[in-house]
Amino acid sequence: MVETLYIDAKYTGKMQLSKKTLDYLKKIAPQKLALFASVQFLALDTVKKQLQDLNITMLTTAAKRTDKGVQILGCDAYHDSFADNIIDKSDAILYIGDGLFHPQAALYAQIQSSRIKEIIIYDPLGDHMRIIGKENIQENIDKLRRNLKAFIAAKTIGITVTLKPGQQYLHGAMKLREKLIAEGKEAYIFIDNTIDMGHFENYPFIEVWVNTACPRIGLDDIINAPKPLLNINHALSPIKTLETLQK
């Protein structure tokens, strides 16, 4: 039997917010700040002290796919991805880490909320700050809205399932297929290791595709998908999603 041991790679550099970041926080003066970080940057004692000195209440929670508070993954892109919905309770969001993939998940998690709150990103590696907000995913939201309408009207649906561990949701695909057939639609399940949208053209009879693998496929990749594409979470309740989707 093979035993797997996971060891977190920790950033060993200095971990404290820059003057620019602190000045911005003073300017917007949030009372409550949702705090997230990628796994390398979880040693946040100094950062938390800096926020306390600004009289900012920090809100933290564990994402359901992680075992550490504050950590966020790129797949935590739904409003129910977290044990506690601290995003709705916050005035703004602070993310510690490099890159955009992880903090954009916190943007997508808000697309069915009344307001998308900005995310303040502090990158300890480059020692710089940037702000992202609704405008960074507006094109994706607009495309998702169009895809949902196409899904509701479609008669023939293709459901993709990956064999990759941790992303394989055949049971969910079968449940969706049964629901679609009961609604009078035709639904087909396509199983492969890698979901290659270039293969969609081999099945021209499919009007809309539903992704059951990584949720970022049905959020980031829909811009360039050759046919309308959405995630299974949205496909299970398309009308409700469409009604609550950000405009």
C-alpha atoms as a PDB file:
ATOM      1  CA  MET A   1       0.000   0.000   0.000  1.00  0.00           C
ATOM      2  CA  VAL A   2       1.339   3.418  -0.991  1.00  0.00           C
ATOM      3  CA  GLU A   3       1.052   6.119   1.640  1.00  0.00           C
ATOM      4  CA  THR A   4       0.930   9.743   0.510  1.00  0.00           C
ATOM      5  CA  LEU A   5       2.303  12.490   2.719  1.00  0.00           C
ATOM      6  CA  TYR A   6       1.435  16.103   1.884  1.00  0.00           C
ATOM      7  CA  ILE A   7       3.938  18.751   2.989  1.00  0.00           C
ATOM      8  CA  ASP A   8       3.007  22.411   2.574  1.00  0.00           C
ATOM      9  CA  ALA A   9       5.584  24.585   0.837  1.00  0.00           C
ATOM     10  CA  LYS A  10       5.871  27.641   3.058  1.00  0.00           C
ATOM     11  CA  TYR A  11       7.110  31.072   2.077  1.00  0.00           C
ATOM     12  CA  THR A  12      10.057  31.968   4.309  1.00  0.00           C
ATOM     13  CA  GLY A  13      10.320  35.645   3.433  1.00  0.00           C
ATOM     14  CA  LYS A  14       8.986  38.665   5.279  1.00  0.00           C
ATOM     15  CA  MET A  15       5.232  38.633   5.709  1.00  0.00           C
ATOM     16  CA  GLN A  16       3.766  42.051   6.340  1.00  0.00           C
ATOM     17  CA  LEU A  17       1.527  44.398   4.384  1.00  0.00           C
ATOM     18  CA  SER A  18       3.241  47.163   2.436  1.00  0.00           C
ATOM     19  CA  LYS A  19       2.776  50.852   3.241  1.00  0.00           C
ATOM     20  CA  LYS A  20       0.746  51.238   0.036  1.00  0.00           C
ATOM     21  CA  THR A  21      -1.617  48.467   1.136  1.00  0.00           C
ATOM     22  CA  LEU A  22      -1.989  49.910   4.619  1.00  0.00           C
ATOM     23  CA  ASP A  23      -2.612  53.405   3.209  1.00  0.00           C
ATOM     24  CA  TYR A  24      -5.322  52.027   0.937  1.00  0.00           C
ATOM     25  CA  LEU A  25      -6.987  50.240   3.837  1.00  0.00           C
ATOM     26  CA  LYS A  26      -6.911  53.472   5.829  1.00  0.00           C
ATOM     27  CA  LYS A  27      -8.541  55.243   2.881  1.00  0.00           C
ATOM     28  CA  ILE A  28     -11.469  52.846   2.419  1.00  0.00           C
ATOM     29  CA  ALA A  29     -11.718  52.156   6.179  1.00  0.00           C
ATOM     30  CA  PRO A  30     -13.466  48.766   6.137  1.00  0.00           C
ATOM     31  CA  GLN A  31     -14.935  47.665   9.443  1.00  0.00           C
ATOM     32  CA  LYS A  32     -14.846  43.987   8.490  1.00  0.00           C
ATOM     33  CA  LEU A  33     -12.354  42.393   6.143  1.00  0.00           C
ATOM     34  CA  ALA A  34     -12.559  38.826   4.799  1.00  0.00           C
ATOM     35  CA  LEU A  35      -9.026  37.414   4.868  1.00  0.00           C
ATOM     36  CA  PHE A  36      -7.799  34.738   2.451  1.00  0.00           C
ATOM     37  CA  ALA A  37      -4.383  33.434   1.385  1.00  0.00           C
ATOM     38  CA  SER A  38      -2.830  30.676  -0.676  1.00  0.00           C
ATOM     39  CA  VAL A  39      -1.203  27.843   1.245  1.00  0.00           C
ATOM     40  CA  GLN A  40       2.364  29.224   1.025  1.00  0.00           C
ATOM     41  CA  PHE A  41       1.412  32.415   2.840  1.00  0.00           C
ATOM     42  CA  LEU A  42      -0.518  31.286   5.913  1.00  0.00           C
ATOM     43  CA  ALA A  43       1.944  32.662   8.484  1.00  0.00           C
ATOM     44  CA  LEU A  44      -0.129  35.812   8.920  1.00  0.00           C
ATOM     45  CA  ASP A  45       0.491  36.837  12.533  1.00  0.00           C
ATOM     46  CA  THR A  46       2.162  40.108  11.539  1.00  0.00           C
ATOM     47  CA  VAL A  47      -0.518  40.866   8.953  1.00  0.00           C
ATOM     48  CA  LYS A  48      -3.265  40.253  11.501  1.00  0.00           C
ATOM     49  CA  LYS A  49      -1.523  42.578  13.965  1.00  0.00           C
ATOM     50  CA  GLN A  50      -1.328  45.275  11.290  1.00  0.00           C
ATOM     51  CA  LEU A  51      -5.062  44.952  10.649  1.00  0.00           C
ATOM     52  CA  GLN A  52      -5.837  45.056  14.358  1.00  0.00           C
ATOM     53  CA  ASP A  53      -3.848  48.277  14.641  1.00  0.00           C
ATOM     54  CA  LEU A  54      -6.194  49.746  12.005  1.00  0.00           C
ATOM     55  CA  ASN A  55      -9.211  48.615  14.067  1.00  0.00           C
ATOM     56  CA  ILE A  56     -10.285  46.262  11.298  1.00  0.00           C
ATOM     57  CA  THR A  57     -12.188  43.131  12.277  1.00  0.00           C
ATOM     58  CA  MET A  58     -10.835  40.114  10.414  1.00  0.00           C
ATOM     59  CA  LEU A  59     -13.239  37.449   9.206  1.00  0.00           C
ATOM     60  CA  THR A  60     -11.798  34.027   8.476  1.00  0.00           C
ATOM     61  CA  THR A  61     -13.234  30.657   7.546  1.00  0.00           C
ATOM     62  CA  ALA A  62     -12.130  27.335   6.139  1.00  0.00           C
ATOM     63  CA  ALA A  63     -13.005  26.550   2.556  1.00  0.00           C
ATOM     64  CA  LYS A  64     -14.758  23.190   2.383  1.00  0.00           C
ATOM     65  CA  ARG A  65     -11.990  21.698   0.229  1.00  0.00           C
ATOM     66  CA  THR A  66      -9.163  22.742   2.572  1.00  0.00           C
ATOM     67  CA  ASP A  67      -8.103  21.780   6.071  1.00  0.00           C
ATOM     68  CA  LYS A  68      -6.704  25.183   7.028  1.00  0.00           C
ATOM     69  CA  GLY A  69      -8.511  28.379   7.914  1.00  0.00           C
ATOM     70  CA  VAL A  70      -7.854  31.376   5.640  1.00  0.00           C
ATOM     71  CA  GLN A  71      -6.632  29.172   2.742  1.00  0.00           C
ATOM     72  CA  ILE A  72      -8.539  29.478  -0.532  1.00  0.00           C
ATOM     73  CA  LEU A  73      -8.287  27.304  -3.641  1.00  0.00           C
ATOM     74  CA  GLY A  74      -9.011  28.213  -7.221  1.00  0.00           C
ATOM     75  CA  CYS A  75     -11.994  25.851  -7.220  1.00  0.00           C
ATOM     76  CA  ASP A  76     -13.639  27.679  -4.282  1.00  0.00           C
ATOM     77  CA  ALA A  77     -15.696  29.622  -6.792  1.00  0.00           C
ATOM     78  CA  TYR A  78     -19.235  29.160  -5.429  1.00  0.00           C
ATOM     79  CA  HIS A  79     -21.050  31.087  -2.722  1.00  0.00           C
ATOM     80  CA  ASP A  80     -21.308  27.881  -0.686  1.00  0.00           C
ATOM     81  CA  SER A  81     -17.605  26.955  -1.014  1.00  0.00           C
ATOM     82  CA  PHE A  82     -16.885  28.085   2.541  1.00  0.00           C
ATOM     83  CA  ALA A  83     -17.896  26.843   5.978  1.00  0.00           C
ATOM     84  CA  ASP A  84     -19.026  30.380   6.810  1.00  0.00           C
ATOM     85  CA  ASN A  85     -20.004  32.919   4.150  1.00  0.00           C
ATOM     86  CA  ILE A  86     -17.680  35.642   5.412  1.00  0.00           C
ATOM     87  CA  ILE A  87     -17.673  37.377   2.035  1.00  0.00           C
ATOM     88  CA  ASP A  88     -21.274  38.527   2.459  1.00  0.00           C
ATOM     89  CA  LYS A  89     -20.472  39.718   5.988  1.00  0.00           C
ATOM     90  CA  SER A  90     -17.402  41.717   4.954  1.00  0.00           C
ATOM     91  CA  ASP A  91     -16.895  45.202   3.542  1.00  0.00           C
ATOM     92  CA  ALA A  92     -13.977  44.080   1.368  1.00  0.00           C
ATOM     93  CA  ILE A  93     -11.675  41.125   0.834  1.00  0.00           C
ATOM     94  CA  LEU A  94      -7.931  40.904   1.419  1.00  0.00           C
ATOM     95  CA  TYR A  95      -5.976  38.164  -0.343  1.00  0.00           C
ATOM     96  CA  ILE A  96      -2.334  37.374   0.430  1.00  0.00           C
ATOM     97  CA  GLY A  97      -0.512  35.596  -2.375  1.00  0.00           C
ATOM     98  CA  ASP A  98       0.809  35.858  -5.910  1.00  0.00           C
ATOM     99  CA  GLY A  99      -1.162  35.506  -9.124  1.00  0.00           C
ATOM    100  CA  LEU A 100      -4.849  36.002  -9.901  1.00  0.00           C
ATOM    101  CA  PHE A 101      -6.211  32.462 -10.093  1.00  0.00           C
ATOM    102  CA  HIS A 102      -6.991  32.083  -6.376  1.00  0.00           C
ATOM    103  CA  PRO A 103      -8.415  35.572  -5.674  1.00  0.00           C
ATOM    104  CA  GLN A 104     -10.593  35.420  -8.789  1.00  0.00           C
ATOM    105  CA  ALA A 105     -12.326  32.453  -7.163  1.00  0.00           C
ATOM    106  CA  ALA A 106     -13.545  34.867  -4.486  1.00  0.00           C
ATOM    107  CA  LEU A 107     -14.962  37.079  -7.252  1.00  0.00           C
ATOM    108  CA  TYR A 108     -16.831  34.192  -8.871  1.00  0.00           C
ATOM    109  CA  ALA A 109     -18.179  33.188  -5.450  1.00  0.00           C
ATOM    110  CA  GLN A 110     -20.071  36.491  -5.439  1.00  0.00           C
ATOM    111  CA  ILE A 111     -21.807  36.420  -8.830  1.00  0.00           C
ATOM    112  CA  GLN A 112     -25.125  35.524  -7.218  1.00  0.00           C
ATOM    113  CA  SER A 113     -24.765  38.087  -4.421  1.00  0.00           C
ATOM    114  CA  SER A 114     -26.354  41.527  -4.365  1.00  0.00           C
ATOM    115  CA  ARG A 115     -22.956  43.201  -4.808  1.00  0.00           C
ATOM    116  CA  ILE A 116     -19.525  42.001  -5.854  1.00  0.00           C
ATOM    117  CA  LYS A 117     -16.977  43.320  -3.365  1.00  0.00           C
ATOM    118  CA  GLU A 118     -13.496  44.268  -4.468  1.00  0.00           C
ATOM    119  CA  ILE A 119     -10.491  42.151  -3.610  1.00  0.00           C
ATOM    120  CA  ILE A 120      -7.309  43.769  -2.366  1.00  0.00           C
ATOM    121  CA  ILE A 121      -4.361  41.587  -3.366  1.00  0.00           C
ATOM    122  CA  TYR A 122      -1.029  41.881  -1.604  1.00  0.00           C
ATOM    123  CA  ASP A 123       1.753  39.875  -3.240  1.00  0.00           C
ATOM    124  CA  PRO A 124       4.608  39.214  -0.759  1.00  0.00           C
ATOM    125  CA  LEU A 125       6.892  37.977  -3.549  1.00  0.00           C
ATOM    126  CA  GLY A 126       6.735  41.153  -5.597  1.00  0.00           C
ATOM    127  CA  ASP A 127       5.860  43.375  -2.631  1.00  0.00           C
ATOM    128  CA  HIS A 128       3.061  45.051  -4.542  1.00  0.00           C
ATOM    129  CA  MET A 129      -0.689  45.575  -4.275  1.00  0.00           C
ATOM    130  CA  ARG A 130      -3.472  45.515  -6.835  1.00  0.00           C
ATOM    131  CA  ILE A 131      -7.263  45.671  -6.790  1.00  0.00           C
ATOM    132  CA  ILE A 132      -9.615  43.438  -8.758  1.00  0.00           C
ATOM    133  CA  GLY A 133     -13.375  43.658  -8.908  1.00  0.00           C
ATOM    134  CA  LYS A 134     -16.475  42.922 -10.942  1.00  0.00           C
ATOM    135  CA  GLU A 135     -14.973  44.406 -14.099  1.00  0.00           C
ATOM    136  CA  ASN A 136     -12.383  41.619 -14.130  1.00  0.00           C
ATOM    137  CA  ILE A 137     -15.038  38.935 -14.636  1.00  0.00           C
ATOM    138  CA  GLN A 138     -17.852  40.933 -16.279  1.00  0.00           C
ATOM    139  CA  GLU A 139     -17.309  39.257 -19.671  1.00  0.00           C
ATOM    140  CA  ASN A 140     -17.549  35.832 -18.018  1.00  0.00           C
ATOM    141  CA  ILE A 141     -20.758  36.790 -16.198  1.00  0.00           C
ATOM    142  CA  ASP A 142     -22.337  38.053 -19.425  1.00  0.00           C
ATOM    143  CA  LYS A 143     -21.363  34.859 -21.258  1.00  0.00           C
ATOM    144  CA  LEU A 144     -22.682  32.682 -18.426  1.00  0.00           C
ATOM    145  CA  ARG A 145     -26.016  34.499 -18.605  1.00  0.00           C
ATOM    146  CA  ARG A 146     -26.247  33.789 -22.341  1.00  0.00           C
ATOM    147  CA  ASN A 147     -25.208  30.165 -21.791  1.00  0.00           C
ATOM    148  CA  LEU A 148     -27.885  29.657 -19.149  1.00  0.00           C
ATOM    149  CA  LYS A 149     -30.553  30.915 -21.553  1.00  0.00           C
ATOM    150  CA  ALA A 150     -29.230  28.581 -24.246  1.00  0.00           C
ATOM    151  CA  PHE A 151     -29.269  25.677 -21.774  1.00  0.00           C
ATOM    152  CA  ILE A 152     -32.869  26.322 -20.764  1.00  0.00           C
ATOM    153  CA  ALA A 153     -33.953  26.364 -24.430  1.00  0.00           C
ATOM    154  CA  ALA A 154     -31.767  23.473 -25.609  1.00  0.00           C
ATOM    155  CA  LYS A 155     -33.119  20.029 -26.432  1.00  0.00           C
ATOM    156  CA  THR A 156     -29.824  18.099 -26.534  1.00  0.00           C
ATOM    157  CA  ILE A 157     -27.270  18.367 -23.712  1.00  0.00           C
ATOM    158  CA  GLY A 158     -23.779  16.902 -23.382  1.00  0.00           C
ATOM    159  CA  ILE A 159     -22.410  16.280 -19.880  1.00  0.00           C
ATOM    160  CA  THR A 160     -18.638  15.907 -19.515  1.00  0.00           C
ATOM    161  CA  VAL A 161     -17.071  13.740 -16.796  1.00  0.00           C
ATOM    162  CA  THR A 162     -13.349  13.437 -16.059  1.00  0.00           C
ATOM    163  CA  LEU A 163     -11.623  10.376 -14.628  1.00  0.00           C
ATOM    164  CA  LYS A 164      -9.203  12.521 -12.615  1.00  0.00           C
ATOM    165  CA  PRO A 165      -9.335  11.864  -8.835  1.00  0.00           C
ATOM    166  CA  GLY A 166     -10.909  14.727  -6.924  1.00  0.00           C
ATOM    167  CA  GLN A 167     -12.753  15.999  -9.997  1.00  0.00           C
ATOM    168  CA  GLN A 168     -14.730  12.910 -10.987  1.00  0.00           C
ATOM    169  CA  TYR A 169     -18.440  13.460 -10.389  1.00  0.00           C
ATOM    170  CA  LEU A 170     -20.126  10.707 -12.375  1.00  0.00           C
ATOM    171  CA  HIS A 171     -22.895  10.410  -9.782  1.00  0.00           C
ATOM    172  CA  GLY A 172     -23.740  14.095 -10.197  1.00  0.00           C
ATOM    173  CA  ALA A 173     -23.692  13.739 -13.990  1.00  0.00           C
ATOM    174  CA  MET A 174     -26.110  10.808 -13.814  1.00  0.00           C
ATOM    175  CA  LYS A 175     -28.401  12.754 -11.499  1.00  0.00           C
ATOM    176  CA  LEU A 176     -28.447  15.706 -13.912  1.00  0.00           C
ATOM    177  CA  ARG A 177     -29.080  13.400 -16.877  1.00  0.00           C
ATOM    178  CA  GLU A 178     -32.098  11.867 -15.152  1.00  0.00           C
ATOM    179  CA  LYS A 179     -33.437  15.344 -14.396  1.00  0.00           C
ATOM    180  CA  LEU A 180     -33.004  16.508 -17.999  1.00  0.00           C
ATOM    181  CA  ILE A 181     -34.648  13.378 -19.429  1.00  0.00           C
ATOM    182  CA  ALA A 182     -37.591  13.889 -17.074  1.00  0.00           C
ATOM    183  CA  GLU A 183     -37.891  17.398 -18.539  1.00  0.00           C
ATOM    184  CA  GLY A 184     -38.128  15.971 -22.050  1.00  0.00           C
ATOM    185  CA  LYS A 185     -34.556  16.711 -23.127  1.00  0.00           C
ATOM    186  CA  GLU A 186     -31.934  14.380 -24.572  1.00  0.00           C
ATOM    187  CA  ALA A 187     -28.790  14.110 -22.409  1.00  0.00           C
ATOM    188  CA  TYR A 188     -25.546  12.257 -23.055  1.00  0.00           C
ATOM    189  CA  ILE A 189     -22.604  11.655 -20.709  1.00  0.00           C
ATOM    190  CA  PHE A 190     -19.083  11.898 -22.172  1.00  0.00           C
ATOM    191  CA  ILE A 191     -16.253  10.417 -20.057  1.00  0.00           C
ATOM    192  CA  ASP A 192     -12.546  11.089 -20.578  1.00  0.00           C
ATOM    193  CA  ASN A 193      -9.443  11.794 -18.536  1.00  0.00           C
ATOM    194  CA  THR A 194      -8.887  15.260 -19.959  1.00  0.00           C
ATOM    195  CA  ILE A 195     -11.752  17.517 -21.021  1.00  0.00           C
ATOM    196  CA  ASP A 196     -10.642  18.890 -24.388  1.00  0.00           C
ATOM    197  CA  MET A 197     -13.124  21.394 -25.775  1.00  0.00           C
ATOM    198  CA  GLY A 198     -11.516  20.960 -29.180  1.00  0.00           C
ATOM    199  CA  HIS A 199     -13.317  17.600 -29.314  1.00  0.00           C
ATOM    200  CA  PHE A 200     -16.746  19.212 -28.913  1.00  0.00           C
ATOM    201  CA  GLU A 201     -16.916  19.777 -32.663  1.00  0.00           C
ATOM    202  CA  ASN A 202     -17.023  15.982 -33.121  1.00  0.00           C
ATOM    203  CA  TYR A 203     -20.535  16.025 -31.655  1.00  0.00           C
ATOM    204  CA  PRO A 204     -22.393  18.767 -33.590  1.00  0.00           C
ATOM    205  CA  PHE A 205     -25.774  17.512 -32.370  1.00  0.00           C
ATOM    206  CA  ILE A 206     -24.958  18.704 -28.824  1.00  0.00           C
ATOM    207  CA  GLU A 207     -26.404  22.189 -28.306  1.00  0.00           C
ATOM    208  CA  VAL A 208     -25.028  22.945 -24.829  1.00  0.00           C
ATOM    209  CA  TRP A 209     -22.306  21.317 -22.726  1.00  0.00           C
ATOM    210  CA  VAL A 210     -22.297  20.887 -18.946  1.00  0.00           C
ATOM    211  CA  ASN A 211     -18.989  20.570 -17.092  1.00  0.00           C
ATOM    212  CA  THR A 212     -18.734  18.396 -13.972  1.00  0.00           C
ATOM    213  CA  ALA A 213     -14.945  18.690 -13.487  1.00  0.00           C
ATOM    214  CA  CYS A 214     -13.063  21.731 -12.154  1.00  0.00           C
ATOM    215  CA  PRO A 215     -15.597  24.569 -11.774  1.00  0.00           C
ATOM    216  CA  ARG A 216     -13.195  27.057 -13.328  1.00  0.00           C
ATOM    217  CA  ILE A 217     -13.775  25.320 -16.691  1.00  0.00           C
ATOM    218  CA  GLY A 218     -17.371  26.544 -16.632  1.00  0.00           C
ATOM    219  CA  LEU A 219     -16.350  30.037 -15.516  1.00  0.00           C
ATOM    220  CA  ASP A 220     -12.991  30.970 -17.059  1.00  0.00           C
ATOM    221  CA  ASP A 221     -13.073  28.823 -20.203  1.00  0.00           C
ATOM    222  CA  ILE A 222     -16.589  29.699 -21.338  1.00  0.00           C
ATOM    223  CA  ILE A 223     -15.254  32.752 -23.178  1.00  0.00           C
ATOM    224  CA  ASN A 224     -13.508  30.602 -25.796  1.00  0.00           C
ATOM    225  CA  ALA A 225     -15.711  27.494 -25.716  1.00  0.00           C
ATOM    226  CA  PRO A 226     -17.037  26.612 -29.199  1.00  0.00           C
ATOM    227  CA  LYS A 227     -20.516  25.854 -27.812  1.00  0.00           C
ATOM    228  CA  PRO A 228     -22.404  27.186 -24.764  1.00  0.00           C
ATOM    229  CA  LEU A 229     -20.859  25.692 -21.611  1.00  0.00           C
ATOM    230  CA  LEU A 230     -21.750  25.889 -17.922  1.00  0.00           C
ATOM    231  CA  ASN A 231     -21.045  24.081 -14.658  1.00  0.00           C
ATOM    232  CA  ILE A 232     -23.265  21.401 -13.187  1.00  0.00           C
ATOM    233  CA  ASN A 233     -24.066  23.537 -10.126  1.00  0.00           C
ATOM    234  CA  HIS A 234     -25.679  26.124 -12.390  1.00  0.00           C
ATOM    235  CA  ALA A 235     -27.259  23.504 -14.655  1.00  0.00           C
ATOM    236  CA  LEU A 236     -29.132  21.920 -11.729  1.00  0.00           C
ATOM    237  CA  SER A 237     -30.977  25.195 -11.063  1.00  0.00           C
ATOM    238  CA  PRO A 238     -30.601  27.306 -14.225  1.00  0.00           C
ATOM    239  CA  ILE A 239     -33.619  29.584 -13.753  1.00  0.00           C
ATOM    240  CA  LYS A 240     -32.722  30.422 -10.155  1.00  0.00           C
ATOM    241  CA  THR A 241     -29.100  31.052 -11.140  1.00  0.00           C
ATOM    242  CA  LEU A 242     -30.176  33.306 -13.993  1.00  0.00           C
ATOM    243  CA  GLU A 243     -32.512  35.283 -11.732  1.00  0.00           C
ATOM    244  CA  THR A 244     -29.799  35.923  -9.129  1.00  0.00           C
ATOM    245  CA  LEU A 245     -26.850  36.376 -11.485  1.00  0.00           C
ATOM    246  CA  GLN A 246     -25.049  39.730 -11.319  1.00  0.00           C
ATOM    247  CA  LYS A 247     -25.968  42.233 -14.045  1.00  0.00           C
END
